Amino acid sequence: MYAIVKAGGRQEKVAVGDTITVDRINAKVGASVSFPALLLVEGANVTTDPKTLAGVKVAGEILEETKGPKIDILRYKNKTGYRRRQGFRSQLTRVKITAISK
């Protein structure tokens, strides 16, 4: 059984025991979080009905907070001496899926 959940502005395919990386969740390590399910696949049965999916909860446990890869941003205009350099690393959270309950 697996589910498609909405996590951090994106959709992720998850099953029990999977570890996913999502945008930062403001909670402590070891805390439990739940995600809304958008689709549930159980063998040959596919559930897409919003009323049925409202009762489906995908639970997870926060493992750690990490940072994404560094992105280098360079702005440059020719012949004017204009140069700006900037870097960015996104804040991420690793979550282990513990249960998919109906």
N, C-alpha and C. Protein backbone atom coordinates (compact mmCIF):
# COMPACT_ATOMS: atom_id res chain seq x y z
N MET A 1 0.84 -1.16 0.00
CA MET A 1 0.00 0.00 0.00
C MET A 1 0.90 1.24 0.00
N TYR A 2 0.52 2.22 -0.81
CA TYR A 2 1.23 3.50 -0.80
C TYR A 2 0.23 4.63 -1.01
N ALA A 3 0.70 5.84 -0.72
CA ALA A 3 -0.15 7.01 -0.84
C ALA A 3 0.62 8.15 -1.48
N ILE A 4 -0.10 9.04 -2.12
CA ILE A 4 0.46 10.28 -2.61
C ILE A 4 0.01 11.36 -1.62
N VAL A 5 0.97 12.05 -1.01
CA VAL A 5 0.64 13.05 0.01
C VAL A 5 1.14 14.42 -0.44
N LYS A 6 0.52 15.45 0.14
CA LYS A 6 0.96 16.82 -0.09
C LYS A 6 1.90 17.19 1.04
N ALA A 7 3.15 17.47 0.69
CA ALA A 7 4.16 17.76 1.72
C ALA A 7 5.06 18.89 1.23
N GLY A 8 5.00 20.00 1.90
CA GLY A 8 5.91 21.10 1.59
C GLY A 8 5.69 21.71 0.23
N GLY A 9 4.45 21.80 -0.23
CA GLY A 9 4.19 22.41 -1.52
C GLY A 9 4.38 21.47 -2.70
N ARG A 10 4.75 20.23 -2.43
CA ARG A 10 4.93 19.24 -3.48
C ARG A 10 4.16 17.98 -3.14
N GLN A 11 4.07 17.08 -4.10
CA GLN A 11 3.42 15.80 -3.87
C GLN A 11 4.50 14.73 -3.82
N GLU A 12 4.39 13.85 -2.83
CA GLU A 12 5.38 12.79 -2.63
C GLU A 12 4.67 11.44 -2.59
N LYS A 13 5.29 10.43 -3.19
CA LYS A 13 4.79 9.07 -3.10
C LYS A 13 5.44 8.42 -1.89
N VAL A 14 4.63 7.92 -0.94
CA VAL A 14 5.18 7.37 0.30
C VAL A 14 4.54 6.02 0.61
N ALA A 15 5.32 5.19 1.27
CA ALA A 15 4.85 3.92 1.83
C ALA A 15 5.40 3.84 3.25
N VAL A 16 4.89 2.92 4.04
CA VAL A 16 5.36 2.80 5.42
C VAL A 16 6.83 2.40 5.41
N GLY A 17 7.65 3.13 6.18
CA GLY A 17 9.08 2.86 6.25
C GLY A 17 9.92 3.75 5.35
N ASP A 18 9.29 4.50 4.45
CA ASP A 18 10.04 5.38 3.56
C ASP A 18 10.54 6.61 4.31
N THR A 19 11.62 7.17 3.83
CA THR A 19 12.15 8.43 4.36
C THR A 19 12.08 9.46 3.25
N ILE A 20 11.42 10.59 3.53
CA ILE A 20 11.29 11.64 2.53
C ILE A 20 11.92 12.92 3.06
N THR A 21 12.31 13.78 2.14
CA THR A 21 12.86 15.08 2.49
C THR A 21 11.88 16.13 2.00
N VAL A 22 11.41 16.97 2.92
CA VAL A 22 10.42 18.00 2.60
C VAL A 22 10.94 19.35 3.05
N ASP A 23 10.25 20.42 2.66
CA ASP A 23 10.60 21.75 3.15
C ASP A 23 10.48 21.75 4.67
N ARG A 24 11.17 22.69 5.30
CA ARG A 24 11.29 22.71 6.75
C ARG A 24 9.93 22.69 7.45
N ILE A 25 9.81 21.80 8.43
CA ILE A 25 8.64 21.70 9.29
C ILE A 25 9.06 22.22 10.65
N ASN A 26 8.29 23.13 11.20
CA ASN A 26 8.65 23.76 12.46
C ASN A 26 8.23 22.87 13.62
N ALA A 27 9.01 21.83 13.89
CA ALA A 27 8.77 20.90 15.00
C ALA A 27 10.11 20.30 15.40
N LYS A 28 10.16 19.75 16.61
CA LYS A 28 11.41 19.18 17.12
C LYS A 28 11.65 17.79 16.55
N VAL A 29 12.92 17.37 16.61
CA VAL A 29 13.29 16.03 16.17
C VAL A 29 12.60 15.01 17.08
N GLY A 30 11.99 13.99 16.48
CA GLY A 30 11.26 12.98 17.24
C GLY A 30 9.77 13.25 17.31
N ALA A 31 9.35 14.44 16.94
CA ALA A 31 7.92 14.76 16.96
C ALA A 31 7.20 14.05 15.81
N SER A 32 5.92 13.82 15.99
CA SER A 32 5.14 13.17 14.93
C SER A 32 4.38 14.24 14.15
N VAL A 33 4.28 14.01 12.86
CA VAL A 33 3.56 14.90 11.95
C VAL A 33 2.62 14.07 11.10
N SER A 34 1.60 14.71 10.54
CA SER A 34 0.70 13.99 9.64
C SER A 34 0.56 14.80 8.35
N PHE A 35 0.35 14.09 7.27
CA PHE A 35 0.21 14.69 5.95
C PHE A 35 -1.15 14.32 5.37
N PRO A 36 -1.79 15.23 4.63
CA PRO A 36 -3.04 14.89 3.96
C PRO A 36 -2.78 14.02 2.73
N ALA A 37 -3.59 13.00 2.57
CA ALA A 37 -3.44 12.10 1.43
C ALA A 37 -4.25 12.62 0.25
N LEU A 38 -3.66 12.54 -0.94
CA LEU A 38 -4.34 12.95 -2.16
C LEU A 38 -4.78 11.75 -2.99
N LEU A 39 -4.13 10.59 -2.75
CA LEU A 39 -4.44 9.37 -3.49
C LEU A 39 -3.96 8.21 -2.65
N LEU A 40 -4.72 7.12 -2.65
CA LEU A 40 -4.35 5.94 -1.88
C LEU A 40 -4.45 4.72 -2.78
N VAL A 41 -3.38 3.94 -2.85
CA VAL A 41 -3.36 2.73 -3.67
C VAL A 41 -3.14 1.55 -2.75
N GLU A 42 -4.10 0.62 -2.80
CA GLU A 42 -4.05 -0.58 -1.97
C GLU A 42 -4.25 -1.78 -2.88
N GLY A 43 -3.16 -2.36 -3.34
CA GLY A 43 -3.26 -3.46 -4.30
C GLY A 43 -3.81 -2.95 -5.62
N ALA A 44 -4.98 -3.47 -6.02
CA ALA A 44 -5.61 -3.03 -7.26
C ALA A 44 -6.62 -1.91 -7.01
N ASN A 45 -6.88 -1.57 -5.75
CA ASN A 45 -7.85 -0.53 -5.43
C ASN A 45 -7.17 0.83 -5.36
N VAL A 46 -7.69 1.78 -6.12
CA VAL A 46 -7.18 3.14 -6.11
C VAL A 46 -8.28 4.05 -5.59
N THR A 47 -7.97 4.81 -4.53
CA THR A 47 -8.95 5.70 -3.93
C THR A 47 -8.58 7.14 -4.25
N THR A 48 -9.51 7.86 -4.90
CA THR A 48 -9.29 9.26 -5.23
C THR A 48 -10.42 10.15 -4.72
N ASP A 49 -11.44 9.56 -4.12
CA ASP A 49 -12.60 10.31 -3.63
C ASP A 49 -12.19 11.21 -2.45
N PRO A 50 -12.39 12.53 -2.55
CA PRO A 50 -11.97 13.43 -1.47
C PRO A 50 -12.65 13.16 -0.13
N LYS A 51 -13.90 12.70 -0.16
CA LYS A 51 -14.60 12.40 1.10
C LYS A 51 -13.97 11.21 1.81
N THR A 52 -13.58 10.21 1.07
CA THR A 52 -12.93 9.04 1.65
C THR A 52 -11.51 9.39 2.10
N LEU A 53 -10.81 10.18 1.31
CA LEU A 53 -9.43 10.54 1.64
C LEU A 53 -9.34 11.50 2.83
N ALA A 54 -10.44 12.16 3.17
CA ALA A 54 -10.43 13.05 4.34
C ALA A 54 -10.17 12.27 5.62
N GLY A 55 -10.54 10.98 5.64
CA GLY A 55 -10.31 10.14 6.81
C GLY A 55 -8.97 9.44 6.81
N VAL A 56 -8.22 9.52 5.71
CA VAL A 56 -6.92 8.85 5.62
C VAL A 56 -5.84 9.78 6.18
N LYS A 57 -5.06 9.26 7.10
CA LYS A 57 -3.96 10.02 7.68
C LYS A 57 -2.64 9.29 7.43
N VAL A 58 -1.66 10.03 6.99
CA VAL A 58 -0.32 9.50 6.81
C VAL A 58 0.54 10.11 7.91
N ALA A 59 1.01 9.28 8.82
CA ALA A 59 1.78 9.75 9.97
C ALA A 59 3.27 9.54 9.73
N GLY A 60 4.05 10.46 10.27
CA GLY A 60 5.50 10.36 10.14
C GLY A 60 6.20 10.89 11.36
N GLU A 61 7.48 10.58 11.46
CA GLU A 61 8.30 11.03 12.58
C GLU A 61 9.48 11.82 12.03
N ILE A 62 9.75 12.97 12.62
CA ILE A 62 10.84 13.81 12.16
C ILE A 62 12.17 13.20 12.60
N LEU A 63 13.06 12.97 11.62
CA LEU A 63 14.36 12.39 11.91
C LEU A 63 15.43 13.45 12.16
N GLU A 64 15.51 14.43 11.26
CA GLU A 64 16.54 15.46 11.39
C GLU A 64 16.20 16.66 10.52
N GLU A 65 16.88 17.76 10.82
CA GLU A 65 16.79 18.95 9.98
C GLU A 65 18.11 19.10 9.25
N THR A 66 18.04 19.31 7.94
CA THR A 66 19.24 19.41 7.11
C THR A 66 19.15 20.65 6.25
N LYS A 67 20.19 20.86 5.46
CA LYS A 67 20.20 21.94 4.49
C LYS A 67 20.36 21.34 3.11
N GLY A 68 19.76 21.99 2.13
CA GLY A 68 19.86 21.54 0.76
C GLY A 68 21.19 21.94 0.15
N PRO A 69 21.39 21.62 -1.12
CA PRO A 69 22.64 22.00 -1.78
C PRO A 69 22.74 23.51 -1.94
N LYS A 70 23.96 24.02 -1.97
CA LYS A 70 24.17 25.45 -2.11
C LYS A 70 23.90 25.87 -3.55
N ILE A 71 23.14 26.95 -3.68
CA ILE A 71 22.84 27.51 -4.99
C ILE A 71 23.58 28.83 -5.08
N ASP A 72 24.42 28.99 -6.10
CA ASP A 72 25.16 30.23 -6.31
C ASP A 72 24.39 31.11 -7.28
N ILE A 73 24.17 32.36 -6.88
CA ILE A 73 23.44 33.32 -7.70
C ILE A 73 24.42 34.43 -8.05
N LEU A 74 24.61 34.69 -9.31
CA LEU A 74 25.51 35.74 -9.76
C LEU A 74 24.76 36.63 -10.74
N ARG A 75 24.69 37.92 -10.42
CA ARG A 75 24.07 38.90 -11.31
C ARG A 75 25.19 39.75 -11.90
N TYR A 76 25.15 39.93 -13.19
CA TYR A 76 26.25 40.60 -13.87
C TYR A 76 25.68 41.39 -15.04
N LYS A 77 26.15 42.63 -15.20
CA LYS A 77 25.79 43.41 -16.38
C LYS A 77 27.09 43.82 -17.08
N ASN A 78 27.10 43.62 -18.35
CA ASN A 78 28.29 43.86 -19.15
C ASN A 78 28.64 45.35 -19.24
N LYS A 79 29.91 45.67 -19.13
CA LYS A 79 30.49 47.01 -19.36
C LYS A 79 30.07 48.06 -18.33
N THR A 80 29.43 47.67 -17.23
CA THR A 80 29.01 48.68 -16.26
C THR A 80 29.65 48.47 -14.90
N GLY A 81 30.33 47.37 -14.69
CA GLY A 81 30.95 47.09 -13.40
C GLY A 81 29.96 46.60 -12.36
N TYR A 82 28.80 46.21 -12.79
CA TYR A 82 27.77 45.73 -11.86
C TYR A 82 27.91 44.22 -11.67
N ARG A 83 28.23 43.79 -10.45
CA ARG A 83 28.32 42.36 -10.12
C ARG A 83 27.74 42.17 -8.73
N ARG A 84 26.88 41.21 -8.57
CA ARG A 84 26.34 40.85 -7.27
C ARG A 84 26.41 39.33 -7.14
N ARG A 85 26.92 38.91 -6.00
CA ARG A 85 27.04 37.47 -5.76
C ARG A 85 26.25 37.13 -4.51
N GLN A 86 25.49 36.06 -4.58
CA GLN A 86 24.62 35.66 -3.49
C GLN A 86 24.55 34.14 -3.47
N GLY A 87 24.37 33.56 -2.29
CA GLY A 87 24.22 32.13 -2.16
C GLY A 87 22.95 31.81 -1.40
N PHE A 88 22.47 30.58 -1.54
CA PHE A 88 21.24 30.17 -0.87
C PHE A 88 21.28 28.68 -0.60
N ARG A 89 20.86 28.29 0.60
CA ARG A 89 20.67 26.87 0.94
C ARG A 89 19.31 26.74 1.60
N SER A 90 18.47 25.89 1.07
CA SER A 90 17.13 25.72 1.62
C SER A 90 17.18 24.88 2.89
N GLN A 91 16.29 25.18 3.82
CA GLN A 91 16.16 24.43 5.06
C GLN A 91 15.21 23.25 4.79
N LEU A 92 15.66 22.04 5.10
CA LEU A 92 14.88 20.83 4.82
C LEU A 92 14.68 20.02 6.09
N THR A 93 13.71 19.13 6.05
CA THR A 93 13.43 18.22 7.16
C THR A 93 13.28 16.82 6.60
N ARG A 94 13.96 15.84 7.21
CA ARG A 94 13.81 14.44 6.83
C ARG A 94 12.76 13.80 7.72
N VAL A 95 11.80 13.12 7.09
CA VAL A 95 10.68 12.52 7.80
C VAL A 95 10.59 11.05 7.44
N LYS A 96 10.43 10.18 8.44
CA LYS A 96 10.22 8.75 8.20
C LYS A 96 8.74 8.48 8.36
N ILE A 97 8.14 7.83 7.37
CA ILE A 97 6.72 7.52 7.38
C ILE A 97 6.51 6.31 8.28
N THR A 98 5.63 6.46 9.29
CA THR A 98 5.41 5.38 10.26
C THR A 98 4.09 4.64 10.05
N ALA A 99 3.07 5.30 9.53
CA ALA A 99 1.78 4.64 9.37
C ALA A 99 0.92 5.31 8.32
N ILE A 100 0.12 4.51 7.65
CA ILE A 100 -0.93 5.01 6.76
C ILE A 100 -2.22 4.39 7.26
N SER A 101 -3.08 5.21 7.85
CA SER A 101 -4.29 4.68 8.46
C SER A 101 -5.53 5.21 7.76
N LYS A 102 -6.55 4.34 7.67
CA LYS A 102 -7.80 4.73 7.04
C LYS A 102 -8.80 5.18 8.06
